Amino acid sequence: MMSTKTTQENCTESNYLSHVLTLTDRISEPARDWIQFLFDKYESNFDRTSAICSEILSLMILTMGCFWLIGSFYTLLDYFQWPKFLYRYKIQDDKQITLDDIIETAKVAFYNQITVQLLTTALGSLIMNNLPFDRNYRVPPVSTIIYHLVVFVFLQEITFYYLHRLLHYKFFYRFIHKIHHKWQAPIAISALYCHPFEHFLANLVPVLIGPFLMLSHRSTISIWLLIVHIVTLNDHSGYHFPLMPSPEFHDYHHLMFNQNFGRMGFLDYFHGTSERYFKSKYSKRHQVLLSLTPMKILIPDND
C-alpha cells in the first residue's frame, strides 16, 4: 500500500515538474526565437564552406573575436589608466604595466589560440560528427539550454579545480604553470598567457567536457563558449566594476599563489585551500558591487 502511494506521489511530482517546464518553455519562447535568429544569422556566414570547416571557422571566430574584443578594452584601460573613473576600480592599482608586458602576453595568448585551440577545435569537430550530438535545426528550449549550462558550470569547476592543483605540484609548476603566474596582478589577456600544455589541460578540457557528455546543440555550446570567455577575462582583468561579477577570488590566487584553485570556491572550502583567503579583505570584497564607490574604498585594507 505504501509502495503504491509512493509511486503515485512520484508520478504527481513528475507531472508537476513537467507542467512547470512546459510553462517555462512557453513563456520563454520569444527568447528562444531570438536565440534562433542570432544563431542562424551567425552560422549563415559560413554556409559556403564545407560542414566541418564551417564548424571550426565559426567556433574560432566566435571565441577569438570575443577574447580580443573584450580583452583589448581591458588592456587599453590598463595601459593608459584612462578613463580615470573606470581605472579606479582596479584591484591592484599599484602595479605598473608596460607595453612590452602587453606585447609579450598578447603574443603568447595568440599563439595558444592558433595552435592548441585550433587543433583542439578541429579534433573536437571531427569527434562531434561521429557522436549523436543534437543536430536539430531548431535550437533547444530555453529550459534545456539553462539545464545544460548549469551542468557545464559544475563539471568545469570540478575538473578545473583538480587539474589546476595538479599544475601547482613542483614539477608541473616549475616547467609549465610558472609562466601563467608571472602575473601577480593579472590583466585580462593574461588568461591565456600560459604554456600550451596548460592551455589544453586546464583551459580547454574543463570547458569542453560538459558539452561532450551532454551531447549538446551547437547553439548551447556557442553560448557556453561566450560565457566562459567573458567570465575568464573578467576573472583575470583585476577590475571590480559595479554590478559585475567579482574577480577578487581569482585575483587573490595570483597574488598569494597557493590559495583559491577553483573559480566558484566550494571545492576550495571543502579541501581547505581558501583558509587564508577567508581571513583577508579579499573575501569581504568578493561580492557584487552595488555602489559607484570602489570596493577597496568601501572595505579598505586597514579596516
C-alpha atoms as a PDB file:
ATOM      1  CA  MET A   1       0.000   0.000   0.000  1.00  0.00           C
ATOM      2  CA  MET A   2       2.797   2.387   0.942  1.00  0.00           C
ATOM      3  CA  SER A   3       4.680   1.474  -2.246  1.00  0.00           C
ATOM      4  CA  THR A   4       1.628   2.329  -4.378  1.00  0.00           C
ATOM      5  CA  LYS A   5       1.188   5.632  -2.563  1.00  0.00           C
ATOM      6  CA  THR A   6       4.856   6.498  -3.034  1.00  0.00           C
ATOM      7  CA  THR A   7       4.611   5.696  -6.733  1.00  0.00           C
ATOM      8  CA  GLN A   8       1.545   7.921  -7.081  1.00  0.00           C
ATOM      9  CA  GLU A   9       3.320  10.774  -5.271  1.00  0.00           C
ATOM     10  CA  ASN A  10       6.347  10.388  -7.550  1.00  0.00           C
ATOM     11  CA  CYS A  11       4.095  10.464 -10.620  1.00  0.00           C
ATOM     12  CA  THR A  12       2.353  13.577  -9.287  1.00  0.00           C
ATOM     13  CA  GLU A  13       5.702  15.299  -8.680  1.00  0.00           C
ATOM     14  CA  SER A  14       6.900  14.254 -12.134  1.00  0.00           C
ATOM     15  CA  ASN A  15       3.743  15.608 -13.780  1.00  0.00           C
ATOM     16  CA  TYR A  16       4.038  18.844 -11.810  1.00  0.00           C
ATOM     17  CA  LEU A  17       7.667  19.273 -12.881  1.00  0.00           C
ATOM     18  CA  SER A  18       6.701  18.516 -16.469  1.00  0.00           C
ATOM     19  CA  HIS A  19       3.962  21.173 -16.359  1.00  0.00           C
ATOM     20  CA  VAL A  20       6.364  23.726 -14.854  1.00  0.00           C
ATOM     21  CA  LEU A  21       8.961  23.073 -17.590  1.00  0.00           C
ATOM     22  CA  THR A  22       6.295  23.260 -20.297  1.00  0.00           C
ATOM     23  CA  LEU A  23       5.017  26.562 -18.900  1.00  0.00           C
ATOM     24  CA  THR A  24       8.572  27.890 -18.659  1.00  0.00           C
ATOM     25  CA  ASP A  25       9.251  26.994 -22.273  1.00  0.00           C
ATOM     26  CA  ARG A  26       6.046  28.679 -23.424  1.00  0.00           C
ATOM     27  CA  ILE A  27       6.876  31.862 -21.535  1.00  0.00           C
ATOM     28  CA  SER A  28      10.452  31.839 -22.819  1.00  0.00           C
ATOM     29  CA  GLU A  29       9.501  31.106 -26.450  1.00  0.00           C
ATOM     30  CA  PRO A  30      10.314  34.698 -27.553  1.00  0.00           C
ATOM     31  CA  ALA A  31      13.799  34.282 -26.049  1.00  0.00           C
ATOM     32  CA  ARG A  32      14.182  31.006 -27.914  1.00  0.00           C
ATOM     33  CA  ASP A  33      13.162  32.699 -31.177  1.00  0.00           C
ATOM     34  CA  TRP A  34      15.719  35.436 -30.516  1.00  0.00           C
ATOM     35  CA  ILE A  35      18.481  32.861 -29.916  1.00  0.00           C
ATOM     36  CA  GLN A  36      17.393  31.071 -33.091  1.00  0.00           C
ATOM     37  CA  PHE A  37      17.603  34.309 -35.090  1.00  0.00           C
ATOM     38  CA  LEU A  38      21.101  35.161 -33.797  1.00  0.00           C
ATOM     39  CA  PHE A  39      22.342  31.597 -34.284  1.00  0.00           C
ATOM     40  CA  ASP A  40      21.029  31.387 -37.859  1.00  0.00           C
ATOM     41  CA  LYS A  41      22.368  34.840 -38.678  1.00  0.00           C
ATOM     42  CA  TYR A  42      25.853  33.973 -37.426  1.00  0.00           C
ATOM     43  CA  GLU A  43      26.020  30.466 -38.907  1.00  0.00           C
ATOM     44  CA  SER A  44      24.823  31.689 -42.333  1.00  0.00           C
ATOM     45  CA  ASN A  45      28.157  33.473 -42.763  1.00  0.00           C
ATOM     46  CA  PHE A  46      29.879  30.102 -43.127  1.00  0.00           C
ATOM     47  CA  ASP A  47      27.423  28.267 -45.388  1.00  0.00           C
ATOM     48  CA  ARG A  48      29.744  28.451 -48.388  1.00  0.00           C
ATOM     49  CA  THR A  49      32.364  26.262 -46.730  1.00  0.00           C
ATOM     50  CA  SER A  50      32.211  22.529 -46.029  1.00  0.00           C
ATOM     51  CA  ALA A  51      30.373  21.450 -42.873  1.00  0.00           C
ATOM     52  CA  ILE A  52      33.493  20.565 -40.879  1.00  0.00           C
ATOM     53  CA  CYS A  53      35.353  23.736 -41.966  1.00  0.00           C
ATOM     54  CA  SER A  54      32.259  25.778 -41.182  1.00  0.00           C
ATOM     55  CA  GLU A  55      32.151  24.435 -37.614  1.00  0.00           C
ATOM     56  CA  ILE A  56      35.856  25.046 -36.998  1.00  0.00           C
ATOM     57  CA  LEU A  57      35.851  28.509 -38.553  1.00  0.00           C
ATOM     58  CA  SER A  58      32.703  29.679 -36.778  1.00  0.00           C
ATOM     59  CA  LEU A  59      33.899  28.487 -33.356  1.00  0.00           C
ATOM     60  CA  MET A  60      37.371  30.023 -33.774  1.00  0.00           C
ATOM     61  CA  ILE A  61      35.986  33.389 -34.898  1.00  0.00           C
ATOM     62  CA  LEU A  62      33.424  33.350 -32.090  1.00  0.00           C
ATOM     63  CA  THR A  63      35.953  32.613 -29.338  1.00  0.00           C
ATOM     64  CA  MET A  64      38.871  34.672 -30.652  1.00  0.00           C
ATOM     65  CA  GLY A  65      36.599  37.598 -31.503  1.00  0.00           C
ATOM     66  CA  CYS A  66      35.138  37.620 -28.004  1.00  0.00           C
ATOM     67  CA  PHE A  67      38.561  37.276 -26.360  1.00  0.00           C
ATOM     68  CA  TRP A  68      40.300  40.061 -28.272  1.00  0.00           C
ATOM     69  CA  LEU A  69      37.374  42.459 -28.366  1.00  0.00           C
ATOM     70  CA  ILE A  70      36.795  42.424 -24.601  1.00  0.00           C
ATOM     71  CA  GLY A  71      40.465  41.807 -23.796  1.00  0.00           C
ATOM     72  CA  SER A  72      41.522  44.869 -25.814  1.00  0.00           C
ATOM     73  CA  PHE A  73      39.146  47.094 -23.850  1.00  0.00           C
ATOM     74  CA  TYR A  74      40.633  45.950 -20.532  1.00  0.00           C
ATOM     75  CA  THR A  75      44.213  46.142 -21.860  1.00  0.00           C
ATOM     76  CA  LEU A  76      43.862  49.702 -23.155  1.00  0.00           C
ATOM     77  CA  LEU A  77      42.376  50.695 -19.811  1.00  0.00           C
ATOM     78  CA  ASP A  78      45.353  49.090 -18.025  1.00  0.00           C
ATOM     79  CA  TYR A  79      47.971  50.754 -20.210  1.00  0.00           C
ATOM     80  CA  PHE A  80      46.588  54.284 -20.415  1.00  0.00           C
ATOM     81  CA  GLN A  81      44.910  54.203 -16.977  1.00  0.00           C
ATOM     82  CA  TRP A  82      42.160  56.194 -18.628  1.00  0.00           C
ATOM     83  CA  PRO A  83      39.321  56.992 -18.277  1.00  0.00           C
ATOM     84  CA  LYS A  84      40.091  57.520 -14.615  1.00  0.00           C
ATOM     85  CA  PHE A  85      36.528  56.878 -13.460  1.00  0.00           C
ATOM     86  CA  LEU A  86      36.926  53.273 -14.711  1.00  0.00           C
ATOM     87  CA  TYR A  87      40.568  52.737 -13.748  1.00  0.00           C
ATOM     88  CA  ARG A  88      39.792  53.485 -10.091  1.00  0.00           C
ATOM     89  CA  TYR A  89      38.072  50.067  -9.941  1.00  0.00           C
ATOM     90  CA  LYS A  90      41.403  48.298 -10.488  1.00  0.00           C
ATOM     91  CA  ILE A  91      42.038  45.967  -7.533  1.00  0.00           C
ATOM     92  CA  GLN A  92      45.865  46.056  -7.539  1.00  0.00           C
ATOM     93  CA  ASP A  93      46.429  49.551  -8.868  1.00  0.00           C
ATOM     94  CA  ASP A  94      49.966  49.830  -7.510  1.00  0.00           C
ATOM     95  CA  LYS A  95      51.438  47.692 -10.342  1.00  0.00           C
ATOM     96  CA  GLN A  96      52.704  49.415 -13.489  1.00  0.00           C
ATOM     97  CA  ILE A  97      52.049  47.617 -16.800  1.00  0.00           C
ATOM     98  CA  THR A  98      54.480  48.240 -19.676  1.00  0.00           C
ATOM     99  CA  LEU A  99      53.924  47.976 -23.417  1.00  0.00           C
ATOM    100  CA  ASP A 100      56.490  45.156 -23.538  1.00  0.00           C
ATOM    101  CA  ASP A 101      54.452  43.185 -20.991  1.00  0.00           C
ATOM    102  CA  ILE A 102      51.323  43.614 -23.085  1.00  0.00           C
ATOM    103  CA  ILE A 103      53.030  42.637 -26.366  1.00  0.00           C
ATOM    104  CA  GLU A 104      54.628  39.529 -24.847  1.00  0.00           C
ATOM    105  CA  THR A 105      51.343  38.442 -23.251  1.00  0.00           C
ATOM    106  CA  ALA A 106      49.384  39.055 -26.462  1.00  0.00           C
ATOM    107  CA  LYS A 107      51.885  37.011 -28.487  1.00  0.00           C
ATOM    108  CA  VAL A 108      51.636  34.012 -26.148  1.00  0.00           C
ATOM    109  CA  ALA A 109      47.837  34.215 -25.990  1.00  0.00           C
ATOM    110  CA  PHE A 110      47.528  34.425 -29.789  1.00  0.00           C
ATOM    111  CA  TYR A 111      49.990  31.559 -30.272  1.00  0.00           C
ATOM    112  CA  ASN A 112      47.964  29.344 -27.929  1.00  0.00           C
ATOM    113  CA  GLN A 113      44.810  30.149 -29.861  1.00  0.00           C
ATOM    114  CA  ILE A 114      46.128  29.437 -33.373  1.00  0.00           C
ATOM    115  CA  THR A 115      47.926  26.247 -32.329  1.00  0.00           C
ATOM    116  CA  VAL A 116      46.439  24.390 -29.356  1.00  0.00           C
ATOM    117  CA  GLN A 117      42.964  25.898 -29.556  1.00  0.00           C
ATOM    118  CA  LEU A 118      42.689  25.493 -33.332  1.00  0.00           C
ATOM    119  CA  LEU A 119      43.864  21.872 -33.219  1.00  0.00           C
ATOM    120  CA  THR A 120      41.528  21.086 -30.316  1.00  0.00           C
ATOM    121  CA  THR A 121      38.607  22.731 -32.147  1.00  0.00           C
ATOM    122  CA  ALA A 122      39.355  20.751 -35.311  1.00  0.00           C
ATOM    123  CA  LEU A 123      39.678  17.464 -33.436  1.00  0.00           C
ATOM    124  CA  GLY A 124      36.572  18.209 -31.372  1.00  0.00           C
ATOM    125  CA  SER A 125      34.546  18.967 -34.510  1.00  0.00           C
ATOM    126  CA  LEU A 126      35.642  15.680 -36.106  1.00  0.00           C
ATOM    127  CA  ILE A 127      34.641  13.750 -32.991  1.00  0.00           C
ATOM    128  CA  MET A 128      31.322  15.599 -32.773  1.00  0.00           C
ATOM    129  CA  ASN A 129      30.449  14.436 -36.298  1.00  0.00           C
ATOM    130  CA  ASN A 130      30.745  10.837 -35.132  1.00  0.00           C
ATOM    131  CA  LEU A 131      28.711  11.219 -31.946  1.00  0.00           C
ATOM    132  CA  PRO A 132      24.938  11.662 -31.525  1.00  0.00           C
ATOM    133  CA  PHE A 133      25.035  15.390 -30.757  1.00  0.00           C
ATOM    134  CA  ASP A 134      21.809  17.374 -31.005  1.00  0.00           C
ATOM    135  CA  ARG A 135      21.748  18.492 -34.655  1.00  0.00           C
ATOM    136  CA  ASN A 136      18.170  19.701 -34.755  1.00  0.00           C
ATOM    137  CA  TYR A 137      17.687  22.784 -36.947  1.00  0.00           C
ATOM    138  CA  ARG A 138      15.595  24.368 -34.164  1.00  0.00           C
ATOM    139  CA  VAL A 139      17.565  25.492 -31.136  1.00  0.00           C
ATOM    140  CA  PRO A 140      16.613  23.730 -27.862  1.00  0.00           C
ATOM    141  CA  PRO A 141      14.004  25.145 -25.451  1.00  0.00           C
ATOM    142  CA  VAL A 142      15.422  27.745 -23.059  1.00  0.00           C
ATOM    143  CA  SER A 143      14.925  25.376 -20.103  1.00  0.00           C
ATOM    144  CA  THR A 144      17.136  22.784 -21.839  1.00  0.00           C
ATOM    145  CA  ILE A 145      19.803  25.375 -22.604  1.00  0.00           C
ATOM    146  CA  ILE A 146      19.831  26.526 -18.972  1.00  0.00           C
ATOM    147  CA  TYR A 147      19.934  22.946 -17.689  1.00  0.00           C
ATOM    148  CA  HIS A 148      22.941  22.130 -19.885  1.00  0.00           C
ATOM    149  CA  LEU A 149      24.713  25.343 -18.885  1.00  0.00           C
ATOM    150  CA  VAL A 150      24.286  24.529 -15.188  1.00  0.00           C
ATOM    151  CA  VAL A 151      25.771  21.067 -15.764  1.00  0.00           C
ATOM    152  CA  PHE A 152      28.662  22.647 -17.708  1.00  0.00           C
ATOM    153  CA  VAL A 153      29.420  25.050 -14.856  1.00  0.00           C
ATOM    154  CA  PHE A 154      29.721  22.322 -12.230  1.00  0.00           C
ATOM    155  CA  LEU A 155      31.707  19.962 -14.463  1.00  0.00           C
ATOM    156  CA  GLN A 156      34.088  22.784 -15.337  1.00  0.00           C
ATOM    157  CA  GLU A 157      34.538  23.707 -11.684  1.00  0.00           C
ATOM    158  CA  ILE A 158      35.332  20.134 -10.635  1.00  0.00           C
ATOM    159  CA  THR A 159      37.776  19.388 -13.461  1.00  0.00           C
ATOM    160  CA  PHE A 160      39.422  22.816 -13.344  1.00  0.00           C
ATOM    161  CA  TYR A 161      39.995  22.673  -9.591  1.00  0.00           C
ATOM    162  CA  TYR A 162      41.814  19.319  -9.612  1.00  0.00           C
ATOM    163  CA  LEU A 163      43.746  19.952 -12.836  1.00  0.00           C
ATOM    164  CA  HIS A 164      44.756  23.379 -11.525  1.00  0.00           C
ATOM    165  CA  ARG A 165      46.006  21.870  -8.282  1.00  0.00           C
ATOM    166  CA  LEU A 166      47.942  19.306 -10.318  1.00  0.00           C
ATOM    167  CA  LEU A 167      49.693  22.149 -12.138  1.00  0.00           C
ATOM    168  CA  HIS A 168      50.813  23.526  -8.776  1.00  0.00           C
ATOM    169  CA  TYR A 169      52.777  20.378  -7.936  1.00  0.00           C
ATOM    170  CA  LYS A 170      56.511  21.095  -8.033  1.00  0.00           C
ATOM    171  CA  PHE A 171      57.368  19.510 -11.406  1.00  0.00           C
ATOM    172  CA  PHE A 172      54.338  20.857 -13.297  1.00  0.00           C
ATOM    173  CA  TYR A 173      54.663  24.273 -11.705  1.00  0.00           C
ATOM    174  CA  ARG A 174      58.341  24.635 -12.483  1.00  0.00           C
ATOM    175  CA  PHE A 175      58.125  23.660 -16.146  1.00  0.00           C
ATOM    176  CA  ILE A 176      54.546  24.604 -17.059  1.00  0.00           C
ATOM    177  CA  HIS A 177      52.368  26.660 -14.700  1.00  0.00           C
ATOM    178  CA  LYS A 178      55.044  29.127 -13.572  1.00  0.00           C
ATOM    179  CA  ILE A 179      54.591  31.015 -16.850  1.00  0.00           C
ATOM    180  CA  HIS A 180      50.997  31.917 -16.000  1.00  0.00           C
ATOM    181  CA  HIS A 181      51.958  33.086 -12.513  1.00  0.00           C
ATOM    182  CA  LYS A 182      54.335  35.685 -13.858  1.00  0.00           C
ATOM    183  CA  TRP A 183      51.290  37.910 -13.492  1.00  0.00           C
ATOM    184  CA  GLN A 184      50.758  38.534  -9.764  1.00  0.00           C
ATOM    185  CA  ALA A 185      48.400  41.365 -10.673  1.00  0.00           C
ATOM    186  CA  PRO A 186      46.791  39.809 -13.758  1.00  0.00           C
ATOM    187  CA  ILE A 187      45.380  41.598 -16.761  1.00  0.00           C
ATOM    188  CA  ALA A 188      42.511  40.251 -18.867  1.00  0.00           C
ATOM    189  CA  ILE A 189      44.548  38.790 -21.753  1.00  0.00           C
ATOM    190  CA  SER A 190      46.879  37.051 -19.279  1.00  0.00           C
ATOM    191  CA  ALA A 191      44.086  34.456 -19.017  1.00  0.00           C
ATOM    192  CA  LEU A 192      45.800  32.735 -21.982  1.00  0.00           C
ATOM    193  CA  TYR A 193      49.353  33.647 -21.004  1.00  0.00           C
ATOM    194  CA  CYS A 194      50.402  30.089 -20.262  1.00  0.00           C
ATOM    195  CA  HIS A 195      52.261  27.031 -21.528  1.00  0.00           C
ATOM    196  CA  PRO A 196      50.480  25.350 -24.495  1.00  0.00           C
ATOM    197  CA  PHE A 197      50.052  22.175 -22.455  1.00  0.00           C
ATOM    198  CA  GLU A 198      48.349  24.147 -19.689  1.00  0.00           C
ATOM    199  CA  HIS A 199      46.068  25.840 -22.200  1.00  0.00           C
ATOM    200  CA  PHE A 200      44.838  22.434 -23.330  1.00  0.00           C
ATOM    201  CA  LEU A 201      44.693  20.744 -19.929  1.00  0.00           C
ATOM    202  CA  ALA A 202      43.360  23.496 -17.671  1.00  0.00           C
ATOM    203  CA  ASN A 203      41.606  25.881 -20.056  1.00  0.00           C
ATOM    204  CA  LEU A 204      40.089  23.711 -22.785  1.00  0.00           C
ATOM    205  CA  VAL A 205      39.410  20.300 -21.217  1.00  0.00           C
ATOM    206  CA  PRO A 206      37.252  21.627 -18.312  1.00  0.00           C
ATOM    207  CA  VAL A 207      35.255  23.747 -20.767  1.00  0.00           C
ATOM    208  CA  LEU A 208      34.657  21.006 -23.341  1.00  0.00           C
ATOM    209  CA  ILE A 209      33.906  18.078 -21.052  1.00  0.00           C
ATOM    210  CA  GLY A 210      30.348  19.265 -20.351  1.00  0.00           C
ATOM    211  CA  PRO A 211      29.187  19.684 -23.972  1.00  0.00           C
ATOM    212  CA  PHE A 212      30.658  16.300 -24.904  1.00  0.00           C
ATOM    213  CA  LEU A 213      28.995  14.489 -22.014  1.00  0.00           C
ATOM    214  CA  MET A 214      25.643  16.187 -22.629  1.00  0.00           C
ATOM    215  CA  LEU A 215      25.856  15.934 -26.455  1.00  0.00           C
ATOM    216  CA  SER A 216      24.563  19.485 -26.625  1.00  0.00           C
ATOM    217  CA  HIS A 217      23.258  21.556 -29.519  1.00  0.00           C
ATOM    218  CA  ARG A 218      25.754  23.868 -31.229  1.00  0.00           C
ATOM    219  CA  SER A 219      23.773  26.909 -30.134  1.00  0.00           C
ATOM    220  CA  THR A 220      24.121  25.853 -26.478  1.00  0.00           C
ATOM    221  CA  ILE A 221      27.841  25.218 -26.965  1.00  0.00           C
ATOM    222  CA  SER A 222      28.272  28.641 -28.579  1.00  0.00           C
ATOM    223  CA  ILE A 223      26.502  30.374 -25.688  1.00  0.00           C
ATOM    224  CA  TRP A 224      28.674  28.422 -23.240  1.00  0.00           C
ATOM    225  CA  LEU A 225      31.914  29.411 -25.004  1.00  0.00           C
ATOM    226  CA  LEU A 226      30.923  33.074 -24.929  1.00  0.00           C
ATOM    227  CA  ILE A 227      30.105  32.857 -21.215  1.00  0.00           C
ATOM    228  CA  VAL A 228      33.418  31.132 -20.467  1.00  0.00           C
ATOM    229  CA  HIS A 229      35.453  33.766 -22.285  1.00  0.00           C
ATOM    230  CA  ILE A 230      33.604  36.684 -20.700  1.00  0.00           C
ATOM    231  CA  VAL A 231      33.981  35.175 -17.210  1.00  0.00           C
ATOM    232  CA  THR A 232      37.667  34.262 -17.536  1.00  0.00           C
ATOM    233  CA  LEU A 233      38.507  37.707 -18.946  1.00  0.00           C
ATOM    234  CA  ASN A 234      36.668  39.288 -16.032  1.00  0.00           C
ATOM    235  CA  ASP A 235      38.397  36.976 -13.518  1.00  0.00           C
ATOM    236  CA  HIS A 236      41.835  37.979 -14.825  1.00  0.00           C
ATOM    237  CA  SER A 237      41.035  41.636 -15.518  1.00  0.00           C
ATOM    238  CA  GLY A 238      41.677  42.823 -11.985  1.00  0.00           C
ATOM    239  CA  TYR A 239      38.721  45.212 -12.246  1.00  0.00           C
ATOM    240  CA  HIS A 240      35.858  45.039  -9.761  1.00  0.00           C
ATOM    241  CA  PHE A 241      33.242  47.051 -11.639  1.00  0.00           C
ATOM    242  CA  PRO A 242      29.786  47.897 -10.265  1.00  0.00           C
ATOM    243  CA  LEU A 243      27.092  45.283 -10.995  1.00  0.00           C
ATOM    244  CA  MET A 244      29.707  42.919 -12.473  1.00  0.00           C
ATOM    245  CA  PRO A 245      30.771  39.527 -11.064  1.00  0.00           C
ATOM    246  CA  SER A 246      33.594  39.973  -8.573  1.00  0.00           C
ATOM    247  CA  PRO A 247      37.104  38.922  -9.719  1.00  0.00           C
ATOM    248  CA  GLU A 248      38.501  39.209  -6.185  1.00  0.00           C
ATOM    249  CA  PHE A 249      38.553  35.413  -5.648  1.00  0.00           C
ATOM    250  CA  HIS A 250      40.856  34.628  -8.580  1.00  0.00           C
ATOM    251  CA  ASP A 251      42.841  37.828  -8.187  1.00  0.00           C
ATOM    252  CA  TYR A 252      43.798  36.601  -4.717  1.00  0.00           C
ATOM    253  CA  HIS A 253      45.051  33.326  -6.233  1.00  0.00           C
ATOM    254  CA  HIS A 254      47.501  35.242  -8.439  1.00  0.00           C
ATOM    255  CA  LEU A 255      48.583  37.384  -5.512  1.00  0.00           C
ATOM    256  CA  MET A 256      49.090  34.571  -2.973  1.00  0.00           C
ATOM    257  CA  PHE A 257      49.804  31.598  -5.301  1.00  0.00           C
ATOM    258  CA  ASN A 258      48.570  28.681  -3.128  1.00  0.00           C
ATOM    259  CA  GLN A 259      45.000  29.715  -2.350  1.00  0.00           C
ATOM    260  CA  ASN A 260      41.749  29.618  -4.355  1.00  0.00           C
ATOM    261  CA  PHE A 261      42.419  26.969  -7.016  1.00  0.00           C
ATOM    262  CA  GLY A 262      38.813  26.863  -8.226  1.00  0.00           C
ATOM    263  CA  ARG A 263      36.504  29.544  -9.532  1.00  0.00           C
ATOM    264  CA  MET A 264      33.314  29.087  -7.507  1.00  0.00           C
ATOM    265  CA  GLY A 265      35.055  28.274  -4.235  1.00  0.00           C
ATOM    266  CA  PHE A 266      33.121  25.290  -2.846  1.00  0.00           C
ATOM    267  CA  LEU A 267      35.935  22.804  -3.550  1.00  0.00           C
ATOM    268  CA  ASP A 268      38.485  25.210  -2.056  1.00  0.00           C
ATOM    269  CA  TYR A 269      36.327  25.389   1.064  1.00  0.00           C
ATOM    270  CA  PHE A 270      35.996  21.573   1.168  1.00  0.00           C
ATOM    271  CA  HIS A 271      39.756  20.994   0.757  1.00  0.00           C
ATOM    272  CA  GLY A 272      40.831  23.884   2.985  1.00  0.00           C
ATOM    273  CA  THR A 273      42.638  25.736   0.183  1.00  0.00           C
ATOM    274  CA  SER A 274      40.980  29.071   0.896  1.00  0.00           C
ATOM    275  CA  GLU A 275      41.632  29.484   4.647  1.00  0.00           C
ATOM    276  CA  ARG A 276      43.990  32.461   4.262  1.00  0.00           C
ATOM    277  CA  TYR A 277      41.633  33.986   1.725  1.00  0.00           C
ATOM    278  CA  PHE A 278      38.727  33.960   4.183  1.00  0.00           C
ATOM    279  CA  LYS A 279      40.914  35.822   6.685  1.00  0.00           C
ATOM    280  CA  SER A 280      41.755  38.508   4.130  1.00  0.00           C
ATOM    281  CA  LYS A 281      39.945  41.621   2.965  1.00  0.00           C
ATOM    282  CA  TYR A 282      39.581  39.995  -0.457  1.00  0.00           C
ATOM    283  CA  SER A 283      36.906  37.627   0.843  1.00  0.00           C
ATOM    284  CA  LYS A 284      34.889  40.514   2.259  1.00  0.00           C
ATOM    285  CA  ARG A 285      35.196  42.360  -1.051  1.00  0.00           C
ATOM    286  CA  HIS A 286      34.158  39.313  -3.082  1.00  0.00           C
ATOM    287  CA  GLN A 287      30.592  40.421  -3.757  1.00  0.00           C
ATOM    288  CA  VAL A 288      28.679  42.266  -6.443  1.00  0.00           C
ATOM    289  CA  LEU A 289      29.459  45.968  -6.067  1.00  0.00           C
ATOM    290  CA  LEU A 290      26.195  47.886  -5.721  1.00  0.00           C
ATOM    291  CA  SER A 291      27.826  51.274  -5.361  1.00  0.00           C
ATOM    292  CA  LEU A 292      29.844  53.639  -7.567  1.00  0.00           C
ATOM    293  CA  THR A 293      32.467  53.768  -4.824  1.00  0.00           C
ATOM    294  CA  PRO A 294      35.252  51.196  -5.459  1.00  0.00           C
ATOM    295  CA  MET A 295      35.160  48.156  -3.184  1.00  0.00           C
ATOM    296  CA  LYS A 296      38.729  48.777  -1.956  1.00  0.00           C
ATOM    297  CA  ILE A 297      37.491  52.126  -0.582  1.00  0.00           C
ATOM    298  CA  LEU A 298      34.322  50.703   0.906  1.00  0.00           C
ATOM    299  CA  ILE A 299      36.376  47.966   2.606  1.00  0.00           C
ATOM    300  CA  PRO A 300      39.922  49.380   2.985  1.00  0.00           C
ATOM    301  CA  ASP A 301      42.957  47.267   3.918  1.00  0.00           C
ATOM    302  CA  ASN A 302      43.322  48.945   7.310  1.00  0.00           C
ATOM    303  CA  ASP A 303      39.641  48.500   8.207  1.00  0.00           C
END
